[in-house]
Amino acid sequence: MNSILKYILFSFTVLIFGFSNEFVNSKTELKCNLLEAYAKTHKELEFVKCEEVKNSQIIYRATYRVRGNKSKIVEGFLKENYGMGNLKWACCGWDNAGVYGQFEHPEFEKIDPYCSAVISMFASGEKIDKSKNTINLEHDRDKIEYFTVTVELIIT
């Protein structure tokens, strides 16, 4: 009976207050460039931005980019160092088909014991031809301007 009462109380609390992933009482201040600060980065990866994500299992996202003609090099680096899957063509672009890279760091554990970083890589193959008002698909990775790499801190 006691466990049922705890469950009801927990459910009621979640219903009233909701879940929050804000760092309440956390003294951890994250560095923006997650790969550079907490893991290894590659010289071809250009840091673009970082952002805190609200109301999500993802709490923080760092975004990078790499030129299409260097994407195979960075893909190899992410596969070798973080276990990310091969990029595959699907529909309209390239992505790691749900096989994400991952790494952990002691600083992440200060946020939450189940916090780790997840890495993905993708690019759109859509090319707009404004003169003909059409959209074509570019399968050649070397001809795609940029691929995006995201590193997301998640609590599982």
Protein backbone atom coordinates (compact mmCIF):
# COMPACT_ATOMS: atom_id res chain seq x y z
CA MET A 1 0.00 0.00 0.00
CA ASN A 2 2.86 2.37 0.83
CA SER A 3 4.40 2.00 -2.67
CA ILE A 4 1.03 2.73 -4.29
CA LEU A 5 0.74 5.93 -2.26
CA LYS A 6 4.28 6.98 -3.31
CA TYR A 7 3.42 6.33 -6.96
CA ILE A 8 0.22 8.41 -6.70
CA LEU A 9 2.12 11.24 -4.99
CA PHE A 10 4.87 11.12 -7.65
CA SER A 11 2.31 11.12 -10.47
CA PHE A 12 0.46 14.04 -8.91
CA THR A 13 3.70 16.01 -8.51
CA VAL A 14 4.66 15.43 -12.15
CA LEU A 15 1.16 16.36 -13.26
CA ILE A 16 1.22 19.64 -11.29
CA PHE A 17 4.87 20.70 -11.70
CA GLY A 18 6.03 18.75 -14.76
CA PHE A 19 9.54 17.52 -15.47
CA SER A 20 12.40 19.95 -15.71
CA ASN A 21 15.93 19.50 -16.96
CA GLU A 22 17.21 22.78 -15.60
CA PHE A 23 20.37 22.48 -13.59
CA VAL A 24 18.88 23.16 -10.18
CA ASN A 25 21.65 23.60 -7.61
CA SER A 26 24.19 22.54 -10.23
CA LYS A 27 27.56 24.24 -10.08
CA THR A 28 28.52 22.82 -13.46
CA GLU A 29 29.00 25.45 -16.11
CA LEU A 30 29.51 23.80 -19.47
CA LYS A 31 31.98 24.96 -22.07
CA CYS A 32 30.26 25.65 -25.38
CA ASN A 33 32.52 23.64 -27.70
CA LEU A 34 31.78 20.19 -26.25
CA LEU A 35 34.22 18.23 -28.42
CA GLU A 36 37.14 20.56 -27.80
CA ALA A 37 36.50 20.83 -24.05
CA TYR A 38 35.49 17.27 -23.12
CA ALA A 39 36.68 14.92 -25.89
CA LYS A 40 38.65 15.06 -29.16
CA THR A 41 37.81 17.17 -32.16
CA HIS A 42 39.05 17.09 -35.75
CA LYS A 43 40.75 20.02 -37.48
CA GLU A 44 38.18 19.90 -40.32
CA LEU A 45 35.26 20.38 -37.90
CA GLU A 46 34.23 24.02 -37.60
CA PHE A 47 32.37 24.95 -34.42
CA VAL A 48 29.16 26.85 -35.29
CA LYS A 49 27.11 27.35 -32.11
CA CYS A 50 25.79 25.88 -28.91
CA GLU A 51 22.43 26.13 -27.21
CA GLU A 52 20.65 24.98 -24.10
CA VAL A 53 17.59 22.90 -24.95
CA LYS A 54 14.49 23.36 -22.78
CA ASN A 55 11.83 20.79 -21.92
CA SER A 56 13.64 17.85 -23.47
CA GLN A 57 15.73 14.82 -22.64
CA ILE A 58 18.40 16.65 -24.64
CA ILE A 59 19.74 19.40 -22.41
CA TYR A 60 22.51 20.95 -24.50
CA ARG A 61 23.49 20.94 -28.19
CA ALA A 62 26.73 21.93 -29.89
CA THR A 63 26.65 22.27 -33.68
CA TYR A 64 29.61 21.89 -36.04
CA ARG A 65 30.03 21.78 -39.78
CA VAL A 66 32.46 20.26 -42.25
CA ARG A 67 32.84 20.85 -45.97
CA GLY A 68 31.40 18.12 -48.15
CA ASN A 69 34.78 17.29 -49.68
CA LYS A 70 36.13 16.61 -46.14
CA SER A 71 33.04 14.76 -44.88
CA LYS A 72 34.49 11.27 -45.40
CA ILE A 73 37.53 12.15 -43.28
CA VAL A 74 35.37 13.46 -40.42
CA GLU A 75 32.97 10.51 -40.74
CA GLY A 76 35.94 8.16 -40.29
CA PHE A 77 37.15 10.14 -37.27
CA LEU A 78 33.70 10.02 -35.61
CA LYS A 79 33.34 6.30 -36.34
CA GLU A 80 36.79 5.46 -34.97
CA ASN A 81 36.68 7.67 -31.88
CA TYR A 82 33.01 7.61 -30.88
CA GLY A 83 31.43 4.56 -32.53
CA MET A 84 29.17 6.50 -34.88
CA GLY A 85 27.69 4.46 -37.76
CA ASN A 86 28.40 4.81 -41.48
CA LEU A 87 26.64 7.62 -43.31
CA LYS A 88 23.96 6.35 -45.64
CA TRP A 89 21.85 7.99 -48.30
CA ALA A 90 18.18 8.11 -47.29
CA CYS A 91 15.45 9.98 -49.16
CA CYS A 92 17.03 13.36 -49.65
CA GLY A 93 20.38 13.34 -47.90
CA TRP A 94 23.04 11.64 -45.82
CA ASP A 95 22.84 10.60 -42.17
CA ASN A 96 24.21 8.06 -39.70
CA ALA A 97 21.01 5.95 -39.87
CA GLY A 98 20.36 5.98 -36.14
CA VAL A 99 23.79 4.65 -35.14
CA TYR A 100 25.02 7.52 -32.99
CA GLY A 101 28.46 8.08 -31.58
CA GLN A 102 28.78 8.57 -27.85
CA PHE A 103 31.17 9.68 -25.11
CA GLU A 104 31.07 10.39 -21.39
CA HIS A 105 32.94 12.83 -19.17
CA PRO A 106 33.10 13.32 -15.38
CA GLU A 107 31.76 16.88 -15.76
CA PHE A 108 28.57 15.48 -17.31
CA GLU A 109 28.05 13.26 -14.25
CA LYS A 110 27.90 16.40 -12.09
CA ILE A 111 24.80 17.41 -14.05
CA ASP A 112 23.20 13.97 -13.81
CA PRO A 113 24.69 10.47 -13.29
CA TYR A 114 23.00 9.37 -16.54
CA CYS A 115 24.19 12.30 -18.69
CA SER A 116 26.32 11.53 -21.77
CA ALA A 117 27.06 13.00 -25.18
CA VAL A 118 25.54 11.67 -28.41
CA ILE A 119 27.01 12.48 -31.84
CA SER A 120 25.30 12.52 -35.23
CA MET A 121 26.24 13.69 -38.71
CA PHE A 122 23.98 14.58 -41.63
CA ALA A 123 23.57 16.68 -44.77
CA SER A 124 20.76 17.53 -47.14
CA GLY A 125 21.32 16.48 -50.73
CA GLU A 126 18.73 18.93 -52.02
CA LYS A 127 20.04 21.56 -54.42
CA ILE A 128 17.74 24.33 -55.55
CA ASP A 129 18.10 25.50 -59.13
CA LYS A 130 16.53 28.96 -58.99
CA SER A 131 16.83 29.55 -62.73
CA LYS A 132 14.68 26.49 -63.49
CA ASN A 133 12.69 26.66 -60.25
CA THR A 134 13.49 23.00 -59.50
CA ILE A 135 15.04 20.94 -56.73
CA ASN A 136 17.61 18.31 -57.66
CA LEU A 137 19.30 15.73 -55.48
CA GLU A 138 23.09 15.74 -55.15
CA HIS A 139 24.39 12.30 -54.22
CA ASP A 140 28.08 13.22 -54.54
CA ARG A 141 29.25 14.13 -51.05
CA ASP A 142 32.13 16.21 -52.42
CA LYS A 143 29.62 18.53 -54.12
CA ILE A 144 27.52 19.14 -51.00
CA GLU A 145 28.57 22.43 -49.43
CA TYR A 146 28.44 21.42 -45.74
CA PHE A 147 27.63 18.47 -43.52
CA THR A 148 26.37 19.15 -40.00
CA VAL A 149 27.65 17.39 -36.89
CA THR A 150 25.73 17.71 -33.64
CA VAL A 151 26.86 16.77 -30.16
CA GLU A 152 23.93 16.58 -27.76
CA LEU A 153 24.07 16.07 -24.02
CA ILE A 154 21.24 13.74 -23.06
CA ILE A 155 19.95 12.29 -19.84
CA THR A 156 18.86 8.69 -20.31
